[in-house]
Amino acid sequence: MFLADQWQDFEVLDTGEGEKLERWGAYTLARPDPQTIWPHALDQSAWLQADARYTRSDQGGGAWDFRRRLLEEWTVSYRDLRFYVRPTGFKHTGLFPEQAVNWDRMRALIEKRGEARVLNLFGYTGGASVACAKAGAHVTHVDAAKGMVQWAKRNRELSQVPEDRFRFIVEDALSFVRRELRRGNAYDAILMDPPSYGRGPTGEVWKLENELYRLVDTCTQALSERPLFFFINSYTTGFQPAVLTNILGKTVVRRFGGVVDAQEVCLPVRSGGVLPCGATGRWTQA
């Protein structure tokens, strides 16, 4: 597994009964996680002390119950990176901390090369984009949600990454890549974090099982002659690491050779065990 175990400002305190108890800087949050089907390891009193708890509604969605007043947003740090986080209406906080293990790997590859042109598709609030740019890359950050791109811009500023290392694009991922191909633009590295389902800025419907292979195949054509890496993250149930291995093998490996390492991504849990957080497929030259 790829284990994100180098955090200081974040930790998973406990899991179980369909929830996870996390520390985000100075605040403790309890959030749903359907994979945690075992009992809590900590006493119920520890869970009741959470500063905020997200509870799902029978009608869909859910809401936060705040035990004490939190800042509207606050910051957490990972190594030399800083990010804004806040409880959103969809249970998320604006950051996926398990991805730190991928940030470290990408940074090491970029620093070894010296520089790289990186394309981050479904870039969300820019965790990976900021990490790559901090390592010296020039990053094109693409997301269909304007609000997420604005959040990513603020994270870029917070981590003190020069503005000229970034290009922010609000657009459907596949449409953007196709336009880049027509323009003859190429990238040394591509990463993507596609959702299971979503809609683009003009109403395009995205379903991962229907679109992922076509997107990866198209992106392969946008790689430079000497590509550095191609990472795919998946949080979709049923998309095992072997699925990502096969997709990268039939696209990137077929054209450029290299190797694929696809594994579960996990976070350590203070009370014991690990929290599964999806899968990542990593293509590199060696």
C-alpha atoms as a PDB file:
ATOM      1  CA  MET A   1       0.000   0.000   0.000  1.00  0.00           C
ATOM      2  CA  PHE A   2       0.934   3.674  -0.375  1.00  0.00           C
ATOM      3  CA  LEU A   3       0.800   4.978   3.217  1.00  0.00           C
ATOM      4  CA  ALA A   4       0.585   8.732   3.930  1.00  0.00           C
ATOM      5  CA  ASP A   5       2.297   8.642   7.320  1.00  0.00           C
ATOM      6  CA  GLN A   6       4.318  11.879   7.391  1.00  0.00           C
ATOM      7  CA  TRP A   7       1.641  14.330   8.545  1.00  0.00           C
ATOM      8  CA  GLN A   8       2.040  16.536  11.616  1.00  0.00           C
ATOM      9  CA  ASP A   9      -1.048  18.765  11.320  1.00  0.00           C
ATOM     10  CA  PHE A  10      -3.449  15.928  10.500  1.00  0.00           C
ATOM     11  CA  GLU A  11      -4.142  12.458  11.879  1.00  0.00           C
ATOM     12  CA  VAL A  12      -6.878   9.846  11.951  1.00  0.00           C
ATOM     13  CA  LEU A  13      -7.590   9.240  15.618  1.00  0.00           C
ATOM     14  CA  ASP A  14     -10.084   6.379  15.300  1.00  0.00           C
ATOM     15  CA  THR A  15     -12.409   4.659  12.861  1.00  0.00           C
ATOM     16  CA  GLY A  16     -15.450   2.421  13.029  1.00  0.00           C
ATOM     17  CA  GLU A  17     -19.226   2.149  12.782  1.00  0.00           C
ATOM     18  CA  GLY A  18     -19.223   3.963   9.448  1.00  0.00           C
ATOM     19  CA  GLU A  19     -17.231   6.971  10.651  1.00  0.00           C
ATOM     20  CA  LYS A  20     -13.725   8.363  11.027  1.00  0.00           C
ATOM     21  CA  LEU A  21     -12.469  10.679  13.775  1.00  0.00           C
ATOM     22  CA  GLU A  22      -9.804  13.073  12.534  1.00  0.00           C
ATOM     23  CA  ARG A  23      -7.658  15.901  13.870  1.00  0.00           C
ATOM     24  CA  TRP A  24      -7.278  18.791  11.439  1.00  0.00           C
ATOM     25  CA  GLY A  25      -4.838  21.139  13.107  1.00  0.00           C
ATOM     26  CA  ALA A  26      -6.553  22.408  16.281  1.00  0.00           C
ATOM     27  CA  TYR A  27      -9.961  20.896  15.497  1.00  0.00           C
ATOM     28  CA  THR A  28     -11.366  17.377  15.698  1.00  0.00           C
ATOM     29  CA  LEU A  29     -13.963  16.312  13.129  1.00  0.00           C
ATOM     30  CA  ALA A  30     -16.101  13.167  12.860  1.00  0.00           C
ATOM     31  CA  ARG A  31     -17.139  12.305   9.317  1.00  0.00           C
ATOM     32  CA  PRO A  32     -18.903   9.393   7.611  1.00  0.00           C
ATOM     33  CA  ASP A  33     -16.848   6.656   5.966  1.00  0.00           C
ATOM     34  CA  PRO A  34     -18.863   3.640   4.793  1.00  0.00           C
ATOM     35  CA  GLN A  35     -15.813   1.366   4.645  1.00  0.00           C
ATOM     36  CA  THR A  36     -15.222   1.424   8.415  1.00  0.00           C
ATOM     37  CA  ILE A  37     -17.586  -1.442   9.240  1.00  0.00           C
ATOM     38  CA  TRP A  38     -15.813  -2.472  12.477  1.00  0.00           C
ATOM     39  CA  PRO A  39     -16.454  -1.183  16.042  1.00  0.00           C
ATOM     40  CA  HIS A  40     -14.797   1.967  17.408  1.00  0.00           C
ATOM     41  CA  ALA A  41     -11.498   1.331  19.205  1.00  0.00           C
ATOM     42  CA  LEU A  42     -11.806   4.445  21.388  1.00  0.00           C
ATOM     43  CA  ASP A  43     -14.468   5.010  24.026  1.00  0.00           C
ATOM     44  CA  GLN A  44     -17.595   6.841  22.933  1.00  0.00           C
ATOM     45  CA  SER A  45     -16.503   9.786  25.091  1.00  0.00           C
ATOM     46  CA  ALA A  46     -13.651  10.487  22.655  1.00  0.00           C
ATOM     47  CA  TRP A  47     -16.114  10.705  19.762  1.00  0.00           C
ATOM     48  CA  LEU A  48     -18.479  12.920  21.716  1.00  0.00           C
ATOM     49  CA  GLN A  49     -15.632  15.402  22.214  1.00  0.00           C
ATOM     50  CA  ALA A  50     -15.364  16.043  18.445  1.00  0.00           C
ATOM     51  CA  ASP A  51     -15.655  19.753  17.647  1.00  0.00           C
ATOM     52  CA  ALA A  52     -17.960  18.984  14.713  1.00  0.00           C
ATOM     53  CA  ARG A  53     -19.746  15.919  13.369  1.00  0.00           C
ATOM     54  CA  TYR A  54     -21.253  15.411   9.925  1.00  0.00           C
ATOM     55  CA  THR A  55     -24.448  13.342   9.919  1.00  0.00           C
ATOM     56  CA  ARG A  56     -26.063  12.042   6.760  1.00  0.00           C
ATOM     57  CA  SER A  57     -29.751  12.692   6.099  1.00  0.00           C
ATOM     58  CA  ASP A  58     -32.255   9.998   5.142  1.00  0.00           C
ATOM     59  CA  GLN A  59     -33.277  12.276   2.266  1.00  0.00           C
ATOM     60  CA  GLY A  60     -29.710  12.531   0.958  1.00  0.00           C
ATOM     61  CA  GLY A  61     -26.876  14.891   1.784  1.00  0.00           C
ATOM     62  CA  GLY A  62     -26.362  15.793   5.403  1.00  0.00           C
ATOM     63  CA  ALA A  63     -25.330  18.537   7.805  1.00  0.00           C
ATOM     64  CA  TRP A  64     -22.663  19.457  10.326  1.00  0.00           C
ATOM     65  CA  ASP A  65     -23.415  19.537  14.050  1.00  0.00           C
ATOM     66  CA  PHE A  66     -20.955  21.908  15.732  1.00  0.00           C
ATOM     67  CA  ARG A  67     -20.149  21.203  19.367  1.00  0.00           C
ATOM     68  CA  ARG A  68     -18.220  24.477  19.581  1.00  0.00           C
ATOM     69  CA  ARG A  69     -17.701  27.428  17.310  1.00  0.00           C
ATOM     70  CA  LEU A  70     -15.026  26.830  14.695  1.00  0.00           C
ATOM     71  CA  LEU A  71     -13.227  29.326  12.517  1.00  0.00           C
ATOM     72  CA  GLU A  72     -14.900  29.566   9.131  1.00  0.00           C
ATOM     73  CA  GLU A  73     -11.646  28.222   7.705  1.00  0.00           C
ATOM     74  CA  TRP A  74      -8.168  27.512   9.027  1.00  0.00           C
ATOM     75  CA  THR A  75      -4.843  26.263   7.694  1.00  0.00           C
ATOM     76  CA  VAL A  76      -2.907  23.024   7.945  1.00  0.00           C
ATOM     77  CA  SER A  77       0.659  22.375   6.864  1.00  0.00           C
ATOM     78  CA  TYR A  78       2.397  19.438   5.239  1.00  0.00           C
ATOM     79  CA  ARG A  79       6.161  19.829   5.056  1.00  0.00           C
ATOM     80  CA  ASP A  80       6.594  23.261   3.362  1.00  0.00           C
ATOM     81  CA  LEU A  81       3.048  23.329   1.967  1.00  0.00           C
ATOM     82  CA  ARG A  82       0.065  25.112   3.504  1.00  0.00           C
ATOM     83  CA  PHE A  83      -3.625  24.700   2.726  1.00  0.00           C
ATOM     84  CA  TYR A  84      -6.941  26.235   3.687  1.00  0.00           C
ATOM     85  CA  VAL A  85      -9.495  23.757   5.056  1.00  0.00           C
ATOM     86  CA  ARG A  86     -13.090  24.152   6.178  1.00  0.00           C
ATOM     87  CA  PRO A  87     -16.156  21.936   6.710  1.00  0.00           C
ATOM     88  CA  THR A  88     -18.192  22.010   3.492  1.00  0.00           C
ATOM     89  CA  GLY A  89     -21.807  21.064   2.892  1.00  0.00           C
ATOM     90  CA  PHE A  90     -20.730  17.772   1.296  1.00  0.00           C
ATOM     91  CA  LYS A  91     -18.772  16.511   4.361  1.00  0.00           C
ATOM     92  CA  HIS A  92     -15.407  17.323   2.742  1.00  0.00           C
ATOM     93  CA  THR A  93     -12.822  19.772   4.060  1.00  0.00           C
ATOM     94  CA  GLY A  94     -11.150  20.812   0.799  1.00  0.00           C
ATOM     95  CA  LEU A  95      -8.173  18.478   1.161  1.00  0.00           C
ATOM     96  CA  PHE A  96      -7.554  14.745   0.790  1.00  0.00           C
ATOM     97  CA  PRO A  97      -4.651  14.135   3.217  1.00  0.00           C
ATOM     98  CA  GLU A  98      -3.947  10.611   1.960  1.00  0.00           C
ATOM     99  CA  GLN A  99      -2.695  12.179  -1.270  1.00  0.00           C
ATOM    100  CA  ALA A 100       0.390  13.458   0.549  1.00  0.00           C
ATOM    101  CA  VAL A 101       2.089  10.157  -0.234  1.00  0.00           C
ATOM    102  CA  ASN A 102       1.643  10.943  -3.939  1.00  0.00           C
ATOM    103  CA  TRP A 103       2.751  14.555  -3.501  1.00  0.00           C
ATOM    104  CA  ASP A 104       6.039  13.297  -2.068  1.00  0.00           C
ATOM    105  CA  ARG A 105       6.600  10.903  -4.956  1.00  0.00           C
ATOM    106  CA  MET A 106       5.811  13.494  -7.613  1.00  0.00           C
ATOM    107  CA  ARG A 107       8.035  16.071  -5.979  1.00  0.00           C
ATOM    108  CA  ALA A 108      10.957  13.640  -5.871  1.00  0.00           C
ATOM    109  CA  LEU A 109      10.561  12.874  -9.583  1.00  0.00           C
ATOM    110  CA  ILE A 110      10.309  16.552 -10.550  1.00  0.00           C
ATOM    111  CA  GLU A 111      13.279  17.569  -8.407  1.00  0.00           C
ATOM    112  CA  LYS A 112      15.377  14.814  -9.960  1.00  0.00           C
ATOM    113  CA  ARG A 113      14.491  16.002 -13.476  1.00  0.00           C
ATOM    114  CA  GLY A 114      14.999  19.656 -12.562  1.00  0.00           C
ATOM    115  CA  GLU A 115      11.790  20.982 -14.105  1.00  0.00           C
ATOM    116  CA  ALA A 116       8.656  19.687 -15.773  1.00  0.00           C
ATOM    117  CA  ARG A 117       5.406  20.778 -17.380  1.00  0.00           C
ATOM    118  CA  VAL A 118       2.630  19.167 -15.326  1.00  0.00           C
ATOM    119  CA  LEU A 119      -1.060  18.835 -16.178  1.00  0.00           C
ATOM    120  CA  ASN A 120      -3.390  18.274 -13.216  1.00  0.00           C
ATOM    121  CA  LEU A 121      -6.903  17.263 -14.306  1.00  0.00           C
ATOM    122  CA  PHE A 122      -9.822  17.414 -11.843  1.00  0.00           C
ATOM    123  CA  GLY A 123      -7.369  19.447  -9.784  1.00  0.00           C
ATOM    124  CA  TYR A 124      -9.866  20.305  -6.982  1.00  0.00           C
ATOM    125  CA  THR A 125      -8.312  22.739  -4.458  1.00  0.00           C
ATOM    126  CA  GLY A 126      -4.789  22.258  -5.737  1.00  0.00           C
ATOM    127  CA  GLY A 127      -2.989  20.046  -3.225  1.00  0.00           C
ATOM    128  CA  ALA A 128      -1.066  18.174  -5.905  1.00  0.00           C
ATOM    129  CA  SER A 129      -0.675  21.281  -8.059  1.00  0.00           C
ATOM    130  CA  VAL A 130       0.953  23.241  -5.248  1.00  0.00           C
ATOM    131  CA  ALA A 131       3.212  20.292  -4.369  1.00  0.00           C
ATOM    132  CA  CYS A 132       4.429  19.940  -7.962  1.00  0.00           C
ATOM    133  CA  ALA A 133       4.947  23.678  -8.407  1.00  0.00           C
ATOM    134  CA  LYS A 134       6.852  23.864  -5.124  1.00  0.00           C
ATOM    135  CA  ALA A 135       9.244  21.297  -6.589  1.00  0.00           C
ATOM    136  CA  GLY A 136       9.875  23.564  -9.584  1.00  0.00           C
ATOM    137  CA  ALA A 137       7.248  22.427 -12.085  1.00  0.00           C
ATOM    138  CA  HIS A 138       5.075  24.631 -14.263  1.00  0.00           C
ATOM    139  CA  VAL A 139       1.538  23.432 -13.563  1.00  0.00           C
ATOM    140  CA  THR A 140      -1.655  23.655 -15.608  1.00  0.00           C
ATOM    141  CA  HIS A 141      -4.490  23.125 -13.134  1.00  0.00           C
ATOM    142  CA  VAL A 142      -7.859  22.150 -14.649  1.00  0.00           C
ATOM    143  CA  ASP A 143     -11.202  21.766 -12.873  1.00  0.00           C
ATOM    144  CA  ALA A 144     -14.765  22.233 -14.068  1.00  0.00           C
ATOM    145  CA  ALA A 145     -15.810  23.962 -10.812  1.00  0.00           C
ATOM    146  CA  LYS A 146     -14.902  27.648 -10.676  1.00  0.00           C
ATOM    147  CA  GLY A 147     -15.097  27.677  -6.871  1.00  0.00           C
ATOM    148  CA  MET A 148     -12.526  24.906  -6.570  1.00  0.00           C
ATOM    149  CA  VAL A 149     -10.149  26.724  -8.911  1.00  0.00           C
ATOM    150  CA  GLN A 150     -10.469  29.862  -6.781  1.00  0.00           C
ATOM    151  CA  TRP A 151      -9.654  27.783  -3.695  1.00  0.00           C
ATOM    152  CA  ALA A 152      -6.605  26.361  -5.488  1.00  0.00           C
ATOM    153  CA  LYS A 153      -5.413  29.883  -6.314  1.00  0.00           C
ATOM    154  CA  ARG A 154      -5.589  30.805  -2.624  1.00  0.00           C
ATOM    155  CA  ASN A 155      -3.631  27.662  -1.687  1.00  0.00           C
ATOM    156  CA  ARG A 156      -0.990  28.642  -4.231  1.00  0.00           C
ATOM    157  CA  GLU A 157      -0.656  32.022  -2.525  1.00  0.00           C
ATOM    158  CA  LEU A 158      -0.645  30.488   0.956  1.00  0.00           C
ATOM    159  CA  SER A 159       2.239  28.165   0.060  1.00  0.00           C
ATOM    160  CA  GLN A 160       4.107  31.090  -1.511  1.00  0.00           C
ATOM    161  CA  VAL A 161       4.512  29.513  -4.925  1.00  0.00           C
ATOM    162  CA  PRO A 162       5.289  32.061  -7.681  1.00  0.00           C
ATOM    163  CA  GLU A 163       2.243  32.879  -9.794  1.00  0.00           C
ATOM    164  CA  ASP A 164       4.138  32.350 -13.039  1.00  0.00           C
ATOM    165  CA  ARG A 165       4.423  28.620 -12.292  1.00  0.00           C
ATOM    166  CA  PHE A 166       0.657  28.205 -12.633  1.00  0.00           C
ATOM    167  CA  ARG A 167      -2.049  28.279 -15.251  1.00  0.00           C
ATOM    168  CA  PHE A 168      -5.596  27.843 -13.925  1.00  0.00           C
ATOM    169  CA  ILE A 169      -8.329  26.590 -16.271  1.00  0.00           C
ATOM    170  CA  VAL A 170     -12.075  26.168 -15.609  1.00  0.00           C
ATOM    171  CA  GLU A 171     -13.130  23.556 -18.164  1.00  0.00           C
ATOM    172  CA  ASP A 172     -14.144  19.966 -18.783  1.00  0.00           C
ATOM    173  CA  ALA A 173     -11.010  17.793 -18.624  1.00  0.00           C
ATOM    174  CA  LEU A 174     -11.423  15.889 -21.901  1.00  0.00           C
ATOM    175  CA  SER A 175     -12.383  19.020 -23.844  1.00  0.00           C
ATOM    176  CA  PHE A 176      -9.302  20.810 -22.562  1.00  0.00           C
ATOM    177  CA  VAL A 177      -6.925  17.957 -23.446  1.00  0.00           C
ATOM    178  CA  ARG A 178      -8.350  17.701 -26.952  1.00  0.00           C
ATOM    179  CA  ARG A 179      -7.803  21.425 -27.458  1.00  0.00           C
ATOM    180  CA  GLU A 180      -4.230  21.143 -26.217  1.00  0.00           C
ATOM    181  CA  LEU A 181      -3.607  18.386 -28.751  1.00  0.00           C
ATOM    182  CA  ARG A 182      -4.889  20.608 -31.569  1.00  0.00           C
ATOM    183  CA  ARG A 183      -2.547  23.344 -30.356  1.00  0.00           C
ATOM    184  CA  GLY A 184       0.402  20.957 -30.219  1.00  0.00           C
ATOM    185  CA  ASN A 185       0.989  21.457 -26.493  1.00  0.00           C
ATOM    186  CA  ALA A 186       2.634  18.618 -24.580  1.00  0.00           C
ATOM    187  CA  TYR A 187       3.261  17.808 -20.914  1.00  0.00           C
ATOM    188  CA  ASP A 188       6.046  15.954 -19.142  1.00  0.00           C
ATOM    189  CA  ALA A 189       3.708  14.675 -16.435  1.00  0.00           C
ATOM    190  CA  ILE A 190      -0.042  14.176 -16.050  1.00  0.00           C
ATOM    191  CA  LEU A 191      -2.085  13.412 -12.958  1.00  0.00           C
ATOM    192  CA  MET A 192      -5.819  13.075 -12.543  1.00  0.00           C
ATOM    193  CA  ASP A 193      -8.274  12.592  -9.713  1.00  0.00           C
ATOM    194  CA  PRO A 194     -11.531  11.901 -11.572  1.00  0.00           C
ATOM    195  CA  PRO A 195     -14.859  11.663  -9.729  1.00  0.00           C
ATOM    196  CA  SER A 196     -17.197   8.697 -10.014  1.00  0.00           C
ATOM    197  CA  TYR A 197     -19.882  10.994 -11.396  1.00  0.00           C
ATOM    198  CA  GLY A 198     -20.096  14.657 -12.205  1.00  0.00           C
ATOM    199  CA  ARG A 199     -21.099  17.414 -14.580  1.00  0.00           C
ATOM    200  CA  GLY A 200     -18.931  19.813 -16.518  1.00  0.00           C
ATOM    201  CA  PRO A 201     -19.394  23.618 -16.618  1.00  0.00           C
ATOM    202  CA  THR A 202     -21.848  23.355 -19.546  1.00  0.00           C
ATOM    203  CA  GLY A 203     -23.731  20.321 -18.242  1.00  0.00           C
ATOM    204  CA  GLU A 204     -21.566  17.504 -19.640  1.00  0.00           C
ATOM    205  CA  VAL A 205     -22.231  14.246 -17.780  1.00  0.00           C
ATOM    206  CA  TRP A 206     -19.186  12.348 -16.504  1.00  0.00           C
ATOM    207  CA  LYS A 207     -19.397   8.670 -15.459  1.00  0.00           C
ATOM    208  CA  LEU A 208     -16.030   7.177 -14.589  1.00  0.00           C
ATOM    209  CA  GLU A 209     -16.636   3.698 -15.975  1.00  0.00           C
ATOM    210  CA  ASN A 210     -17.644   5.158 -19.343  1.00  0.00           C
ATOM    211  CA  GLU A 211     -15.010   7.860 -19.646  1.00  0.00           C
ATOM    212  CA  LEU A 212     -11.774   6.950 -17.850  1.00  0.00           C
ATOM    213  CA  TYR A 213     -10.113   4.789 -20.497  1.00  0.00           C
ATOM    214  CA  ARG A 214     -10.887   7.277 -23.277  1.00  0.00           C
ATOM    215  CA  LEU A 215      -9.543  10.150 -21.184  1.00  0.00           C
ATOM    216  CA  VAL A 216      -6.299   8.350 -20.308  1.00  0.00           C
ATOM    217  CA  ASP A 217      -5.816   7.247 -23.915  1.00  0.00           C
ATOM    218  CA  THR A 218      -6.286  10.823 -25.117  1.00  0.00           C
ATOM    219  CA  CYS A 219      -3.966  12.197 -22.423  1.00  0.00           C
ATOM    220  CA  THR A 220      -1.255   9.762 -23.486  1.00  0.00           C
ATOM    221  CA  GLN A 221      -1.106  11.629 -26.787  1.00  0.00           C
ATOM    222  CA  ALA A 222      -0.452  14.856 -24.864  1.00  0.00           C
ATOM    223  CA  LEU A 223       2.692  13.529 -23.175  1.00  0.00           C
ATOM    224  CA  SER A 224       6.059  14.879 -24.268  1.00  0.00           C
ATOM    225  CA  GLU A 225       8.700  12.723 -25.932  1.00  0.00           C
ATOM    226  CA  ARG A 226      10.383  12.092 -22.570  1.00  0.00           C
ATOM    227  CA  PRO A 227       7.540  11.895 -20.033  1.00  0.00           C
ATOM    228  CA  LEU A 228       8.182  11.801 -16.312  1.00  0.00           C
ATOM    229  CA  PHE A 229       5.044  10.321 -14.741  1.00  0.00           C
ATOM    230  CA  PHE A 230       1.341   9.631 -15.144  1.00  0.00           C
ATOM    231  CA  PHE A 231      -0.735   9.190 -11.968  1.00  0.00           C
ATOM    232  CA  ILE A 232      -4.412   8.207 -11.706  1.00  0.00           C
ATOM    233  CA  ASN A 233      -6.328   8.376  -8.428  1.00  0.00           C
ATOM    234  CA  SER A 234      -9.593   6.509  -7.952  1.00  0.00           C
ATOM    235  CA  TYR A 235     -12.076   6.629  -5.091  1.00  0.00           C
ATOM    236  CA  THR A 236     -14.713   4.636  -6.957  1.00  0.00           C
ATOM    237  CA  THR A 237     -15.829   1.358  -5.381  1.00  0.00           C
ATOM    238  CA  GLY A 238     -14.943  -1.522  -7.694  1.00  0.00           C
ATOM    239  CA  PHE A 239     -11.989   0.211  -9.349  1.00  0.00           C
ATOM    240  CA  GLN A 240      -9.253  -1.926  -7.832  1.00  0.00           C
ATOM    241  CA  PRO A 241      -5.533  -1.180  -8.340  1.00  0.00           C
ATOM    242  CA  ALA A 242      -5.461  -3.847 -11.063  1.00  0.00           C
ATOM    243  CA  VAL A 243      -7.958  -1.804 -13.092  1.00  0.00           C
ATOM    244  CA  LEU A 244      -5.600   1.165 -13.037  1.00  0.00           C
ATOM    245  CA  THR A 245      -2.669  -1.105 -13.893  1.00  0.00           C
ATOM    246  CA  ASN A 246      -4.503  -2.394 -16.954  1.00  0.00           C
ATOM    247  CA  ILE A 247      -5.558   1.060 -18.143  1.00  0.00           C
ATOM    248  CA  LEU A 248      -2.050   2.508 -17.842  1.00  0.00           C
ATOM    249  CA  GLY A 249      -0.572  -0.634 -19.382  1.00  0.00           C
ATOM    250  CA  LYS A 250      -2.785  -0.429 -22.460  1.00  0.00           C
ATOM    251  CA  THR A 251      -2.109   3.279 -22.973  1.00  0.00           C
ATOM    252  CA  VAL A 252       1.036   4.827 -21.504  1.00  0.00           C
ATOM    253  CA  VAL A 253       3.170   1.663 -21.289  1.00  0.00           C
ATOM    254  CA  ARG A 254       2.216   0.633 -24.813  1.00  0.00           C
ATOM    255  CA  ARG A 255       3.570   3.914 -26.159  1.00  0.00           C
ATOM    256  CA  PHE A 256       6.457   4.757 -23.814  1.00  0.00           C
ATOM    257  CA  GLY A 257       7.415   1.545 -21.995  1.00  0.00           C
ATOM    258  CA  GLY A 258       8.148   2.075 -18.330  1.00  0.00           C
ATOM    259  CA  VAL A 259       6.495   0.499 -15.310  1.00  0.00           C
ATOM    260  CA  VAL A 260       3.218   0.769 -13.411  1.00  0.00           C
ATOM    261  CA  ASP A 261       2.842   0.526  -9.642  1.00  0.00           C
ATOM    262  CA  ALA A 262      -0.800   0.543  -8.534  1.00  0.00           C
ATOM    263  CA  GLN A 263      -1.760   0.109  -4.892  1.00  0.00           C
ATOM    264  CA  GLU A 264      -4.280   1.090  -2.262  1.00  0.00           C
ATOM    265  CA  VAL A 265      -3.744   4.506  -0.678  1.00  0.00           C
ATOM    266  CA  CYS A 266      -4.122   4.483   3.118  1.00  0.00           C
ATOM    267  CA  LEU A 267      -3.774   6.628   6.218  1.00  0.00           C
ATOM    268  CA  PRO A 268      -2.459   5.307   9.545  1.00  0.00           C
ATOM    269  CA  VAL A 269      -4.953   5.303  12.433  1.00  0.00           C
ATOM    270  CA  ARG A 270      -3.697   6.220  15.887  1.00  0.00           C
ATOM    271  CA  SER A 271      -5.978   3.696  17.604  1.00  0.00           C
ATOM    272  CA  GLY A 272      -4.730   0.923  15.311  1.00  0.00           C
ATOM    273  CA  GLY A 273      -4.821  -0.251  11.718  1.00  0.00           C
ATOM    274  CA  VAL A 274      -5.100   1.825   8.570  1.00  0.00           C
ATOM    275  CA  LEU A 275      -7.901   3.678   6.807  1.00  0.00           C
ATOM    276  CA  PRO A 276      -8.337   2.685   3.132  1.00  0.00           C
ATOM    277  CA  CYS A 277      -8.682   5.746   0.908  1.00  0.00           C
ATOM    278  CA  GLY A 278      -9.005   4.483  -2.656  1.00  0.00           C
ATOM    279  CA  ALA A 279      -6.257   3.531  -5.064  1.00  0.00           C
ATOM    280  CA  THR A 280      -3.507   5.154  -7.125  1.00  0.00           C
ATOM    281  CA  GLY A 281      -1.907   3.935 -10.317  1.00  0.00           C
ATOM    282  CA  ARG A 282       1.574   5.372 -10.925  1.00  0.00           C
ATOM    283  CA  TRP A 283       3.344   5.143 -14.267  1.00  0.00           C
ATOM    284  CA  THR A 284       7.019   6.119 -14.378  1.00  0.00           C
ATOM    285  CA  GLN A 285       9.945   5.334 -16.664  1.00  0.00           C
ATOM    286  CA  ALA A 286      11.562   3.110 -14.015  1.00  0.00           C
END
